[in-house]
Every structure is written in structure tokens, then in C-alpha cells.
PDB file of all heavy atoms in Angstrom:
ATOM      1  N   ALA A   1      -1.261  31.227  12.441  1.00  0.00           N
ATOM      2  CA  ALA A   1      -2.659  31.553  12.167  1.00  0.00           C
ATOM      3  C   ALA A   1      -2.926  33.038  12.421  1.00  0.00           C
ATOM      4  O   ALA A   1      -3.607  33.703  11.633  1.00  0.00           O
ATOM      5  CB  ALA A   1      -3.574  30.690  13.030  1.00  0.00           C
ATOM      6  N   GLN A   2      -2.380  33.562  13.500  1.00  0.00           N
ATOM      7  CA  GLN A   2      -2.559  34.974  13.841  1.00  0.00           C
ATOM      8  C   GLN A   2      -1.931  35.871  12.778  1.00  0.00           C
ATOM      9  O   GLN A   2      -2.523  36.864  12.352  1.00  0.00           O
ATOM     10  CB  GLN A   2      -1.928  35.237  15.208  1.00  0.00           C
ATOM     11  CG  GLN A   2      -2.004  36.668  15.674  1.00  0.00           C
ATOM     12  CD  GLN A   2      -1.403  36.813  17.049  1.00  0.00           C
ATOM     13  OE1 GLN A   2      -1.990  36.348  18.023  1.00  0.00           O
ATOM     14  NE2 GLN A   2      -0.246  37.444  17.140  1.00  0.00           N
ATOM     15  N   TYR A   3      -0.733  35.525  12.334  1.00  0.00           N
ATOM     16  CA  TYR A   3      -0.029  36.304  11.303  1.00  0.00           C
ATOM     17  C   TYR A   3      -0.824  36.297  10.004  1.00  0.00           C
ATOM     18  O   TYR A   3      -1.006  37.336   9.368  1.00  0.00           O
ATOM     19  CB  TYR A   3       1.367  35.721  11.086  1.00  0.00           C
ATOM     20  CG  TYR A   3       2.197  36.489  10.091  1.00  0.00           C
ATOM     21  CD1 TYR A   3       2.977  37.572  10.498  1.00  0.00           C
ATOM     22  CD2 TYR A   3       2.209  36.142   8.740  1.00  0.00           C
ATOM     23  CE1 TYR A   3       3.740  38.287   9.581  1.00  0.00           C
ATOM     24  CE2 TYR A   3       2.967  36.844   7.826  1.00  0.00           C
ATOM     25  CZ  TYR A   3       3.731  37.924   8.248  1.00  0.00           C
ATOM     26  OH  TYR A   3       4.485  38.634   7.339  1.00  0.00           O
ATOM     27  N   LYS A   4      -1.326  35.122   9.622  1.00  0.00           N
ATOM     28  CA  LYS A   4      -2.093  35.020   8.375  1.00  0.00           C
ATOM     29  C   LYS A   4      -3.376  35.835   8.461  1.00  0.00           C
ATOM     30  O   LYS A   4      -3.747  36.522   7.503  1.00  0.00           O
ATOM     31  CB  LYS A   4      -2.417  33.562   8.069  1.00  0.00           C
ATOM     32  CG  LYS A   4      -3.158  33.386   6.756  1.00  0.00           C
ATOM     33  CD  LYS A   4      -3.457  31.942   6.461  1.00  0.00           C
ATOM     34  CE  LYS A   4      -4.210  31.799   5.149  1.00  0.00           C
ATOM     35  NZ  LYS A   4      -4.585  30.416   4.893  1.00  0.00           N
ATOM     36  N   THR A   5      -4.046  35.803   9.594  1.00  0.00           N
ATOM     37  CA  THR A   5      -5.271  36.580   9.779  1.00  0.00           C
ATOM     38  C   THR A   5      -4.985  38.074   9.682  1.00  0.00           C
ATOM     39  O   THR A   5      -5.723  38.818   9.041  1.00  0.00           O
ATOM     40  CB  THR A   5      -5.911  36.252  11.141  1.00  0.00           C
ATOM     41  OG1 THR A   5      -6.254  34.861  11.161  1.00  0.00           O
ATOM     42  CG2 THR A   5      -7.150  37.084  11.387  1.00  0.00           C
ATOM     43  N   ARG A   6      -3.897  38.509  10.299  1.00  0.00           N
ATOM     44  CA  ARG A   6      -3.566  39.928  10.327  1.00  0.00           C
ATOM     45  C   ARG A   6      -3.069  40.444   8.981  1.00  0.00           C
ATOM     46  O   ARG A   6      -3.436  41.533   8.552  1.00  0.00           O
ATOM     47  CB  ARG A   6      -2.526  40.205  11.418  1.00  0.00           C
ATOM     48  CG  ARG A   6      -2.272  41.699  11.632  1.00  0.00           C
ATOM     49  CD  ARG A   6      -1.263  41.997  12.733  1.00  0.00           C
ATOM     50  NE  ARG A   6       0.089  41.697  12.284  1.00  0.00           N
ATOM     51  CZ  ARG A   6       0.805  40.650  12.668  1.00  0.00           C
ATOM     52  NH1 ARG A   6       0.311  39.794  13.531  1.00  0.00           N
ATOM     53  NH2 ARG A   6       2.018  40.450  12.212  1.00  0.00           N
ATOM     54  N   THR A   7      -2.236  39.660   8.294  1.00  0.00           N
ATOM     55  CA  THR A   7      -1.587  40.157   7.075  1.00  0.00           C
ATOM     56  C   THR A   7      -2.189  39.605   5.791  1.00  0.00           C
ATOM     57  O   THR A   7      -1.957  40.160   4.720  1.00  0.00           O
ATOM     58  CB  THR A   7      -0.089  39.791   7.065  1.00  0.00           C
ATOM     59  OG1 THR A   7       0.046  38.372   6.959  1.00  0.00           O
ATOM     60  CG2 THR A   7       0.619  40.301   8.312  1.00  0.00           C
ATOM     61  N   GLY A   8      -2.908  38.492   5.889  1.00  0.00           N
ATOM     62  CA  GLY A   8      -3.448  37.844   4.701  1.00  0.00           C
ATOM     63  C   GLY A   8      -2.396  37.075   3.923  1.00  0.00           C
ATOM     64  O   GLY A   8      -2.620  36.674   2.787  1.00  0.00           O
ATOM     65  N   SER A   9      -1.238  36.874   4.516  1.00  0.00           N
ATOM     66  CA  SER A   9      -0.111  36.247   3.833  1.00  0.00           C
ATOM     67  C   SER A   9       0.553  35.213   4.729  1.00  0.00           C
ATOM     68  O   SER A   9       0.467  35.279   5.953  1.00  0.00           O
ATOM     69  CB  SER A   9       0.910  37.326   3.472  1.00  0.00           C
ATOM     70  OG  SER A   9       2.106  36.748   2.982  1.00  0.00           O
ATOM     71  N   LEU A  10       1.218  34.272   4.074  1.00  0.00           N
ATOM     72  CA  LEU A  10       2.048  33.309   4.799  1.00  0.00           C
ATOM     73  C   LEU A  10       3.522  33.534   4.491  1.00  0.00           C
ATOM     74  O   LEU A  10       4.356  32.708   4.839  1.00  0.00           O
ATOM     75  CB  LEU A  10       1.651  31.878   4.425  1.00  0.00           C
ATOM     76  CG  LEU A  10       0.299  31.424   4.957  1.00  0.00           C
ATOM     77  CD1 LEU A  10      -0.062  30.063   4.398  1.00  0.00           C
ATOM     78  CD2 LEU A  10       0.301  31.390   6.470  1.00  0.00           C
ATOM     79  N   THR A  11       3.836  34.636   3.844  1.00  0.00           N
ATOM     80  CA  THR A  11       5.222  34.978   3.559  1.00  0.00           C
ATOM     81  C   THR A  11       5.759  35.740   4.763  1.00  0.00           C
ATOM     82  O   THR A  11       5.523  36.930   4.917  1.00  0.00           O
ATOM     83  CB  THR A  11       5.325  35.835   2.281  1.00  0.00           C
ATOM     84  OG1 THR A  11       4.691  35.128   1.219  1.00  0.00           O
ATOM     85  CG2 THR A  11       6.764  36.114   1.931  1.00  0.00           C
ATOM     86  N   VAL A  12       6.451  35.006   5.612  1.00  0.00           N
ATOM     87  CA  VAL A  12       6.936  35.555   6.880  1.00  0.00           C
ATOM     88  C   VAL A  12       8.434  35.814   6.762  1.00  0.00           C
ATOM     89  O   VAL A  12       9.194  34.887   6.463  1.00  0.00           O
ATOM     90  CB  VAL A  12       6.662  34.576   8.042  1.00  0.00           C
ATOM     91  CG1 VAL A  12       7.157  35.156   9.366  1.00  0.00           C
ATOM     92  CG2 VAL A  12       5.183  34.232   8.114  1.00  0.00           C
ATOM     93  N   PRO A  13       8.872  37.040   7.007  1.00  0.00           N
ATOM     94  CA  PRO A  13      10.318  37.298   6.990  1.00  0.00           C
ATOM     95  C   PRO A  13      11.026  36.444   8.039  1.00  0.00           C
ATOM     96  O   PRO A  13      10.490  36.197   9.117  1.00  0.00           O
ATOM     97  CB  PRO A  13      10.418  38.785   7.348  1.00  0.00           C
ATOM     98  CG  PRO A  13       9.068  39.356   7.090  1.00  0.00           C
ATOM     99  CD  PRO A  13       8.090  38.236   7.296  1.00  0.00           C
ATOM    100  N   ARG A  14      12.232  36.006   7.715  1.00  0.00           N
ATOM    101  CA  ARG A  14      12.960  35.109   8.604  1.00  0.00           C
ATOM    102  C   ARG A  14      13.103  35.679  10.019  1.00  0.00           C
ATOM    103  O   ARG A  14      13.005  34.951  11.002  1.00  0.00           O
ATOM    104  CB  ARG A  14      14.344  34.805   8.027  1.00  0.00           C
ATOM    105  CG  ARG A  14      15.093  33.755   8.839  1.00  0.00           C
ATOM    106  CD  ARG A  14      16.483  33.505   8.284  1.00  0.00           C
ATOM    107  NE  ARG A  14      17.104  32.321   8.826  1.00  0.00           N
ATOM    108  CZ  ARG A  14      17.528  32.189  10.081  1.00  0.00           C
ATOM    109  NH1 ARG A  14      17.361  33.153  10.932  1.00  0.00           N
ATOM    110  NH2 ARG A  14      18.104  31.073  10.479  1.00  0.00           N
ATOM    111  N   GLY A  15      13.312  36.954  10.151  1.00  0.00           N
ATOM    112  CA  GLY A  15      13.537  37.551  11.463  1.00  0.00           C
ATOM    113  C   GLY A  15      12.279  37.992  12.190  1.00  0.00           C
ATOM    114  O   GLY A  15      12.357  38.560  13.278  1.00  0.00           O
ATOM    115  N   HIS A  16      11.113  37.695  11.633  1.00  0.00           N
ATOM    116  CA  HIS A  16       9.865  38.170  12.242  1.00  0.00           C
ATOM    117  C   HIS A  16       9.572  37.470  13.560  1.00  0.00           C
ATOM    118  O   HIS A  16       9.700  36.254  13.683  1.00  0.00           O
ATOM    119  CB  HIS A  16       8.686  37.972  11.288  1.00  0.00           C
ATOM    120  CG  HIS A  16       7.383  38.404  11.873  1.00  0.00           C
ATOM    121  ND1 HIS A  16       7.059  39.737  12.034  1.00  0.00           N
ATOM    122  CD2 HIS A  16       6.351  37.694  12.383  1.00  0.00           C
ATOM    123  CE1 HIS A  16       5.867  39.823  12.607  1.00  0.00           C
ATOM    124  NE2 HIS A  16       5.422  38.595  12.822  1.00  0.00           N
ATOM    125  N   VAL A  17       9.161  38.265  14.547  1.00  0.00           N
ATOM    126  CA  VAL A  17       8.730  37.745  15.843  1.00  0.00           C
ATOM    127  C   VAL A  17       7.262  38.114  16.014  1.00  0.00           C
ATOM    128  O   VAL A  17       6.890  39.284  15.904  1.00  0.00           O
ATOM    129  CB  VAL A  17       9.567  38.340  16.998  1.00  0.00           C
ATOM    130  CG1 VAL A  17       9.054  37.850  18.346  1.00  0.00           C
ATOM    131  CG2 VAL A  17      11.038  37.990  16.822  1.00  0.00           C
ATOM    132  N   GLU A  18       6.432  37.122  16.254  1.00  0.00           N
ATOM    133  CA  GLU A  18       4.991  37.329  16.430  1.00  0.00           C
ATOM    134  C   GLU A  18       4.660  37.259  17.909  1.00  0.00           C
ATOM    135  O   GLU A  18       5.060  36.328  18.596  1.00  0.00           O
ATOM    136  CB  GLU A  18       4.223  36.247  15.666  1.00  0.00           C
ATOM    137  CG  GLU A  18       2.737  36.432  15.625  1.00  0.00           C
ATOM    138  CD  GLU A  18       2.272  37.531  14.691  1.00  0.00           C
ATOM    139  OE1 GLU A  18       3.059  38.033  13.865  1.00  0.00           O
ATOM    140  OE2 GLU A  18       1.092  37.883  14.764  1.00  0.00           O
ATOM    141  N   GLN A  19       3.938  38.272  18.396  1.00  0.00           N
ATOM    142  CA  GLN A  19       3.542  38.283  19.801  1.00  0.00           C
ATOM    143  C   GLN A  19       2.138  37.718  19.919  1.00  0.00           C
ATOM    144  O   GLN A  19       1.209  38.169  19.244  1.00  0.00           O
ATOM    145  CB  GLN A  19       3.592  39.689  20.383  1.00  0.00           C
ATOM    146  CG  GLN A  19       3.298  39.696  21.869  1.00  0.00           C
ATOM    147  CD  GLN A  19       3.699  40.991  22.544  1.00  0.00           C
ATOM    148  OE1 GLN A  19       4.180  41.909  21.909  1.00  0.00           O
ATOM    149  NE2 GLN A  19       3.504  41.061  23.832  1.00  0.00           N
ATOM    150  N   LEU A  20       1.981  36.717  20.772  1.00  0.00           N
ATOM    151  CA  LEU A  20       0.680  36.087  20.999  1.00  0.00           C
ATOM    152  C   LEU A  20      -0.110  36.875  22.046  1.00  0.00           C
ATOM    153  O   LEU A  20       0.469  37.651  22.811  1.00  0.00           O
ATOM    154  CB  LEU A  20       0.878  34.641  21.451  1.00  0.00           C
ATOM    155  CG  LEU A  20       1.526  33.721  20.413  1.00  0.00           C
ATOM    156  CD1 LEU A  20       1.790  32.348  21.012  1.00  0.00           C
ATOM    157  CD2 LEU A  20       0.653  33.608  19.177  1.00  0.00           C
ATOM    158  N   PRO A  21      -1.435  36.680  22.094  1.00  0.00           N
ATOM    159  CA  PRO A  21      -2.269  37.419  23.052  1.00  0.00           C
ATOM    160  C   PRO A  21      -1.846  37.254  24.514  1.00  0.00           C
ATOM    161  O   PRO A  21      -2.063  38.155  25.319  1.00  0.00           O
ATOM    162  CB  PRO A  21      -3.672  36.835  22.827  1.00  0.00           C
ATOM    163  CG  PRO A  21      -3.648  36.336  21.431  1.00  0.00           C
ATOM    164  CD  PRO A  21      -2.231  35.858  21.195  1.00  0.00           C
ATOM    165  N   ASP A  22      -1.222  36.119  24.851  1.00  0.00           N
ATOM    166  CA  ASP A  22      -0.799  35.914  26.246  1.00  0.00           C
ATOM    167  C   ASP A  22       0.516  36.619  26.567  1.00  0.00           C
ATOM    168  O   ASP A  22       1.039  36.514  27.669  1.00  0.00           O
ATOM    169  CB  ASP A  22      -0.697  34.424  26.571  1.00  0.00           C
ATOM    170  CG  ASP A  22       0.421  33.713  25.812  1.00  0.00           C
ATOM    171  OD1 ASP A  22       1.161  34.360  25.038  1.00  0.00           O
ATOM    172  OD2 ASP A  22       0.557  32.489  26.000  1.00  0.00           O
ATOM    173  N   GLY A  23       1.067  37.341  25.579  1.00  0.00           N
ATOM    174  CA  GLY A  23       2.309  38.082  25.791  1.00  0.00           C
ATOM    175  C   GLY A  23       3.560  37.331  25.384  1.00  0.00           C
ATOM    176  O   GLY A  23       4.640  37.915  25.324  1.00  0.00           O
ATOM    177  N   SER A  24       3.443  36.042  25.109  1.00  0.00           N
ATOM    178  CA  SER A  24       4.620  35.276  24.679  1.00  0.00           C
ATOM    179  C   SER A  24       4.961  35.631  23.241  1.00  0.00           C
ATOM    180  O   SER A  24       4.118  36.125  22.485  1.00  0.00           O
ATOM    181  CB  SER A  24       4.371  33.775  24.833  1.00  0.00           C
ATOM    182  OG  SER A  24       3.313  33.360  24.002  1.00  0.00           O
ATOM    183  N   GLU A  25       6.193  35.385  22.881  1.00  0.00           N
ATOM    184  CA  GLU A  25       6.657  35.697  21.543  1.00  0.00           C
ATOM    185  C   GLU A  25       7.152  34.429  20.848  1.00  0.00           C
ATOM    186  O   GLU A  25       7.733  33.556  21.482  1.00  0.00           O
ATOM    187  CB  GLU A  25       7.786  36.728  21.583  1.00  0.00           C
ATOM    188  CG  GLU A  25       7.328  38.082  22.074  1.00  0.00           C
ATOM    189  CD  GLU A  25       8.439  39.119  22.045  1.00  0.00           C
ATOM    190  OE1 GLU A  25       9.631  38.742  22.059  1.00  0.00           O
ATOM    191  OE2 GLU A  25       8.101  40.309  22.007  1.00  0.00           O
ATOM    192  N   VAL A  26       6.889  34.364  19.545  1.00  0.00           N
ATOM    193  CA  VAL A  26       7.335  33.240  18.718  1.00  0.00           C
ATOM    194  C   VAL A  26       8.177  33.808  17.596  1.00  0.00           C
ATOM    195  O   VAL A  26       7.750  34.735  16.901  1.00  0.00           O
ATOM    196  CB  VAL A  26       6.128  32.470  18.129  1.00  0.00           C
ATOM    197  CG1 VAL A  26       6.598  31.383  17.178  1.00  0.00           C
ATOM    198  CG2 VAL A  26       5.264  31.885  19.226  1.00  0.00           C
ATOM    199  N   ARG A  27       9.376  33.280  17.446  1.00  0.00           N
ATOM    200  CA  ARG A  27      10.227  33.667  16.312  1.00  0.00           C
ATOM    201  C   ARG A  27       9.680  32.936  15.086  1.00  0.00           C
ATOM    202  O   ARG A  27      10.160  31.882  14.692  1.00  0.00           O
ATOM    203  CB  ARG A  27      11.671  33.300  16.611  1.00  0.00           C
ATOM    204  CG  ARG A  27      12.239  34.107  17.783  1.00  0.00           C
ATOM    205  CD  ARG A  27      13.594  33.643  18.213  1.00  0.00           C
ATOM    206  NE  ARG A  27      14.546  33.655  17.113  1.00  0.00           N
ATOM    207  CZ  ARG A  27      15.591  32.837  17.012  1.00  0.00           C
ATOM    208  NH1 ARG A  27      15.828  31.950  17.955  1.00  0.00           N
ATOM    209  NH2 ARG A  27      16.404  32.913  15.990  1.00  0.00           N
ATOM    210  N   LEU A  28       8.633  33.515  14.518  1.00  0.00           N
ATOM    211  CA  LEU A  28       7.819  32.816  13.529  1.00  0.00           C
ATOM    212  C   LEU A  28       8.571  32.470  12.250  1.00  0.00           C
ATOM    213  O   LEU A  28       8.415  31.372  11.718  1.00  0.00           O
ATOM    214  CB  LEU A  28       6.563  33.639  13.211  1.00  0.00           C
ATOM    215  CG  LEU A  28       5.530  32.968  12.320  1.00  0.00           C
ATOM    216  CD1 LEU A  28       5.063  31.646  12.914  1.00  0.00           C
ATOM    217  CD2 LEU A  28       4.352  33.896  12.093  1.00  0.00           C
ATOM    218  N   GLY A  29       9.374  33.383  11.740  1.00  0.00           N
ATOM    219  CA  GLY A  29      10.121  33.087  10.518  1.00  0.00           C
ATOM    220  C   GLY A  29      11.039  31.891  10.693  1.00  0.00           C
ATOM    221  O   GLY A  29      11.091  30.993   9.838  1.00  0.00           O
ATOM    222  N   VAL A  30      11.742  31.849  11.793  1.00  0.00           N
ATOM    223  CA  VAL A  30      12.642  30.727  12.099  1.00  0.00           C
ATOM    224  C   VAL A  30      11.827  29.463  12.349  1.00  0.00           C
ATOM    225  O   VAL A  30      12.195  28.375  11.891  1.00  0.00           O
ATOM    226  CB  VAL A  30      13.533  31.072  13.316  1.00  0.00           C
ATOM    227  CG1 VAL A  30      14.328  29.856  13.768  1.00  0.00           C
ATOM    228  CG2 VAL A  30      14.458  32.223  12.983  1.00  0.00           C
ATOM    229  N   TRP A  31      10.711  29.595  13.055  1.00  0.00           N
ATOM    230  CA  TRP A  31       9.867  28.436  13.364  1.00  0.00           C
ATOM    231  C   TRP A  31       9.385  27.766  12.079  1.00  0.00           C
ATOM    232  O   TRP A  31       9.453  26.540  11.956  1.00  0.00           O
ATOM    233  CB  TRP A  31       8.674  28.871  14.225  1.00  0.00           C
ATOM    234  CG  TRP A  31       7.783  27.749  14.632  1.00  0.00           C
ATOM    235  CD1 TRP A  31       7.939  26.914  15.694  1.00  0.00           C
ATOM    236  CD2 TRP A  31       6.590  27.312  13.963  1.00  0.00           C
ATOM    237  NE1 TRP A  31       6.919  25.987  15.727  1.00  0.00           N
ATOM    238  CE2 TRP A  31       6.084  26.222  14.678  1.00  0.00           C
ATOM    239  CE3 TRP A  31       5.912  27.746  12.833  1.00  0.00           C
ATOM    240  CZ2 TRP A  31       4.926  25.557  14.303  1.00  0.00           C
ATOM    241  CZ3 TRP A  31       4.755  27.078  12.456  1.00  0.00           C
ATOM    242  CH2 TRP A  31       4.278  26.001  13.185  1.00  0.00           C
ATOM    243  N   ILE A  32       8.915  28.566  11.115  1.00  0.00           N
ATOM    244  CA  ILE A  32       8.445  27.992   9.844  1.00  0.00           C
ATOM    245  C   ILE A  32       9.585  27.271   9.128  1.00  0.00           C
ATOM    246  O   ILE A  32       9.405  26.163   8.628  1.00  0.00           O
ATOM    247  CB  ILE A  32       7.831  29.081   8.945  1.00  0.00           C
ATOM    248  CG1 ILE A  32       6.529  29.572   9.553  1.00  0.00           C
ATOM    249  CG2 ILE A  32       7.592  28.547   7.531  1.00  0.00           C
ATOM    250  CD1 ILE A  32       5.947  30.780   8.852  1.00  0.00           C
ATOM    251  N   MET A  33      10.748  27.887   9.067  1.00  0.00           N
ATOM    252  CA  MET A  33      11.893  27.244   8.405  1.00  0.00           C
ATOM    253  C   MET A  33      12.241  25.923   9.096  1.00  0.00           C
ATOM    254  O   MET A  33      12.544  24.929   8.424  1.00  0.00           O
ATOM    255  CB  MET A  33      13.106  28.177   8.397  1.00  0.00           C
ATOM    256  CG  MET A  33      12.947  29.308   7.423  1.00  0.00           C
ATOM    257  SD  MET A  33      14.354  30.447   7.317  1.00  0.00           S
ATOM    258  CE  MET A  33      15.710  29.554   7.952  1.00  0.00           C
ATOM    259  N   ASN A  34      12.195  25.897  10.410  1.00  0.00           N
ATOM    260  CA  ASN A  34      12.488  24.664  11.150  1.00  0.00           C
ATOM    261  C   ASN A  34      11.465  23.577  10.849  1.00  0.00           C
ATOM    262  O   ASN A  34      11.826  22.406  10.679  1.00  0.00           O
ATOM    263  CB  ASN A  34      12.540  24.929  12.655  1.00  0.00           C
ATOM    264  CG  ASN A  34      13.782  25.666  13.077  1.00  0.00           C
ATOM    265  OD1 ASN A  34      14.766  25.714  12.343  1.00  0.00           O
ATOM    266  ND2 ASN A  34      13.730  26.269  14.254  1.00  0.00           N
ATOM    267  N   GLN A  35      10.186  23.950  10.783  1.00  0.00           N
ATOM    268  CA  GLN A  35       9.153  22.958  10.475  1.00  0.00           C
ATOM    269  C   GLN A  35       9.367  22.390   9.074  1.00  0.00           C
ATOM    270  O   GLN A  35       9.251  21.186   8.863  1.00  0.00           O
ATOM    271  CB  GLN A  35       7.748  23.572  10.581  1.00  0.00           C
ATOM    272  CG  GLN A  35       7.390  24.125  11.940  1.00  0.00           C
ATOM    273  CD  GLN A  35       7.705  23.203  13.088  1.00  0.00           C
ATOM    274  OE1 GLN A  35       7.253  22.066  13.140  1.00  0.00           O
ATOM    275  NE2 GLN A  35       8.508  23.678  14.026  1.00  0.00           N
ATOM    276  N   LYS A  36       9.698  23.268   8.139  1.00  0.00           N
ATOM    277  CA  LYS A  36       9.903  22.806   6.761  1.00  0.00           C
ATOM    278  C   LYS A  36      11.113  21.876   6.680  1.00  0.00           C
ATOM    279  O   LYS A  36      11.076  20.845   6.005  1.00  0.00           O
ATOM    280  CB  LYS A  36      10.084  24.002   5.831  1.00  0.00           C
ATOM    281  CG  LYS A  36      10.045  23.629   4.375  1.00  0.00           C
ATOM    282  CD  LYS A  36       9.994  24.849   3.493  1.00  0.00           C
ATOM    283  CE  LYS A  36       9.853  24.457   2.037  1.00  0.00           C
ATOM    284  NZ  LYS A  36       9.766  25.623   1.160  1.00  0.00           N
ATOM    285  N   THR A  37      12.174  22.215   7.402  1.00  0.00           N
ATOM    286  CA  THR A  37      13.367  21.376   7.422  1.00  0.00           C
ATOM    287  C   THR A  37      13.062  20.006   8.012  1.00  0.00           C
ATOM    288  O   THR A  37      13.578  18.990   7.559  1.00  0.00           O
ATOM    289  CB  THR A  37      14.483  22.059   8.246  1.00  0.00           C
ATOM    290  OG1 THR A  37      14.795  23.308   7.628  1.00  0.00           O
ATOM    291  CG2 THR A  37      15.731  21.210   8.322  1.00  0.00           C
ATOM    292  N   ARG A  38      12.185  19.972   9.010  1.00  0.00           N
ATOM    293  CA  ARG A  38      11.858  18.725   9.721  1.00  0.00           C
ATOM    294  C   ARG A  38      10.616  18.027   9.182  1.00  0.00           C
ATOM    295  O   ARG A  38      10.135  17.074   9.802  1.00  0.00           O
ATOM    296  CB  ARG A  38      11.621  19.043  11.197  1.00  0.00           C
ATOM    297  CG  ARG A  38      12.813  19.622  11.883  1.00  0.00           C
ATOM    298  CD  ARG A  38      12.475  19.964  13.324  1.00  0.00           C
ATOM    299  NE  ARG A  38      13.594  20.633  13.937  1.00  0.00           N
ATOM    300  CZ  ARG A  38      13.493  21.688  14.738  1.00  0.00           C
ATOM    301  NH1 ARG A  38      12.314  22.181  15.032  1.00  0.00           N
ATOM    302  NH2 ARG A  38      14.568  22.245  15.244  1.00  0.00           N
ATOM    303  N   ARG A  39      10.085  18.476   8.056  1.00  0.00           N
ATOM    304  CA  ARG A  39       8.798  17.940   7.603  1.00  0.00           C
ATOM    305  C   ARG A  39       8.780  16.428   7.455  1.00  0.00           C
ATOM    306  O   ARG A  39       7.749  15.803   7.662  1.00  0.00           O
ATOM    307  CB  ARG A  39       8.342  18.626   6.324  1.00  0.00           C
ATOM    308  CG  ARG A  39       9.155  18.290   5.112  1.00  0.00           C
ATOM    309  CD  ARG A  39       8.620  19.009   3.896  1.00  0.00           C
ATOM    310  NE  ARG A  39       9.723  19.208   2.964  1.00  0.00           N
ATOM    311  CZ  ARG A  39       9.711  20.062   1.987  1.00  0.00           C
ATOM    312  NH1 ARG A  39       8.662  20.813   1.802  1.00  0.00           N
ATOM    313  NH2 ARG A  39      10.745  20.178   1.192  1.00  0.00           N
ATOM    314  N   ALA A  40       9.907  15.816   7.109  1.00  0.00           N
ATOM    315  CA  ALA A  40       9.947  14.356   6.947  1.00  0.00           C
ATOM    316  C   ALA A  40       9.711  13.638   8.271  1.00  0.00           C
ATOM    317  O   ALA A  40       9.281  12.482   8.280  1.00  0.00           O
ATOM    318  CB  ALA A  40      11.277  13.922   6.347  1.00  0.00           C
ATOM    319  N   THR A  41       9.962  14.300   9.385  1.00  0.00           N
ATOM    320  CA  THR A  41       9.792  13.660  10.692  1.00  0.00           C
ATOM    321  C   THR A  41       8.588  14.199  11.463  1.00  0.00           C
ATOM    322  O   THR A  41       8.325  13.731  12.570  1.00  0.00           O
ATOM    323  CB  THR A  41      11.057  13.842  11.553  1.00  0.00           C
ATOM    324  OG1 THR A  41      11.305  15.232  11.742  1.00  0.00           O
ATOM    325  CG2 THR A  41      12.265  13.193  10.889  1.00  0.00           C
ATOM    326  N   LEU A  42       7.852  15.144  10.893  1.00  0.00           N
ATOM    327  CA  LEU A  42       6.663  15.664  11.574  1.00  0.00           C
ATOM    328  C   LEU A  42       5.544  14.631  11.535  1.00  0.00           C
ATOM    329  O   LEU A  42       5.408  13.882  10.570  1.00  0.00           O
ATOM    330  CB  LEU A  42       6.176  16.958  10.913  1.00  0.00           C
ATOM    331  CG  LEU A  42       7.060  18.191  11.071  1.00  0.00           C
ATOM    332  CD1 LEU A  42       6.477  19.356  10.274  1.00  0.00           C
ATOM    333  CD2 LEU A  42       7.220  18.576  12.524  1.00  0.00           C
ATOM    334  N   THR A  43       4.736  14.620  12.579  1.00  0.00           N
ATOM    335  CA  THR A  43       3.603  13.696  12.620  1.00  0.00           C
ATOM    336  C   THR A  43       2.559  14.119  11.587  1.00  0.00           C
ATOM    337  O   THR A  43       2.529  15.276  11.150  1.00  0.00           O
ATOM    338  CB  THR A  43       2.944  13.686  14.007  1.00  0.00           C
ATOM    339  OG1 THR A  43       2.393  14.977  14.257  1.00  0.00           O
ATOM    340  CG2 THR A  43       3.940  13.306  15.104  1.00  0.00           C
ATOM    341  N   THR A  44       1.705  13.198  11.230  1.00  0.00           N
ATOM    342  CA  THR A  44       0.622  13.487  10.290  1.00  0.00           C
ATOM    343  C   THR A  44      -0.259  14.610  10.837  1.00  0.00           C
ATOM    344  O   THR A  44      -0.692  15.485  10.080  1.00  0.00           O
ATOM    345  CB  THR A  44      -0.220  12.218  10.034  1.00  0.00           C
ATOM    346  OG1 THR A  44       0.653  11.202   9.547  1.00  0.00           O
ATOM    347  CG2 THR A  44      -1.315  12.478   9.031  1.00  0.00           C
TER     348      THR A  44
END
């Protein structure tokens, strides 16, 4: 959500790391790929 607000896009490079306001970091590009790979098992 933060990336989309900042860039206006959901096209995230695979190696992109997004820093959250609390200082934690999310490997967002990898995270999105993992969610897409696991979509059949994700909850509604």
C-alpha cells in the first residue's frame, strides 16, 4: 500500500526493499512473487 501510494504503481522490481514507518524492511518484490505463487492456498 505504501509503495502504491508513493509511486502510483504496483509494478515492483523483484529486488525492491520497502522501508516501513517503524523502520522495518520488507523485500516487497519477493513478497509479491511469493503471494502470487501461493495464491491457491491464501485465505479469502
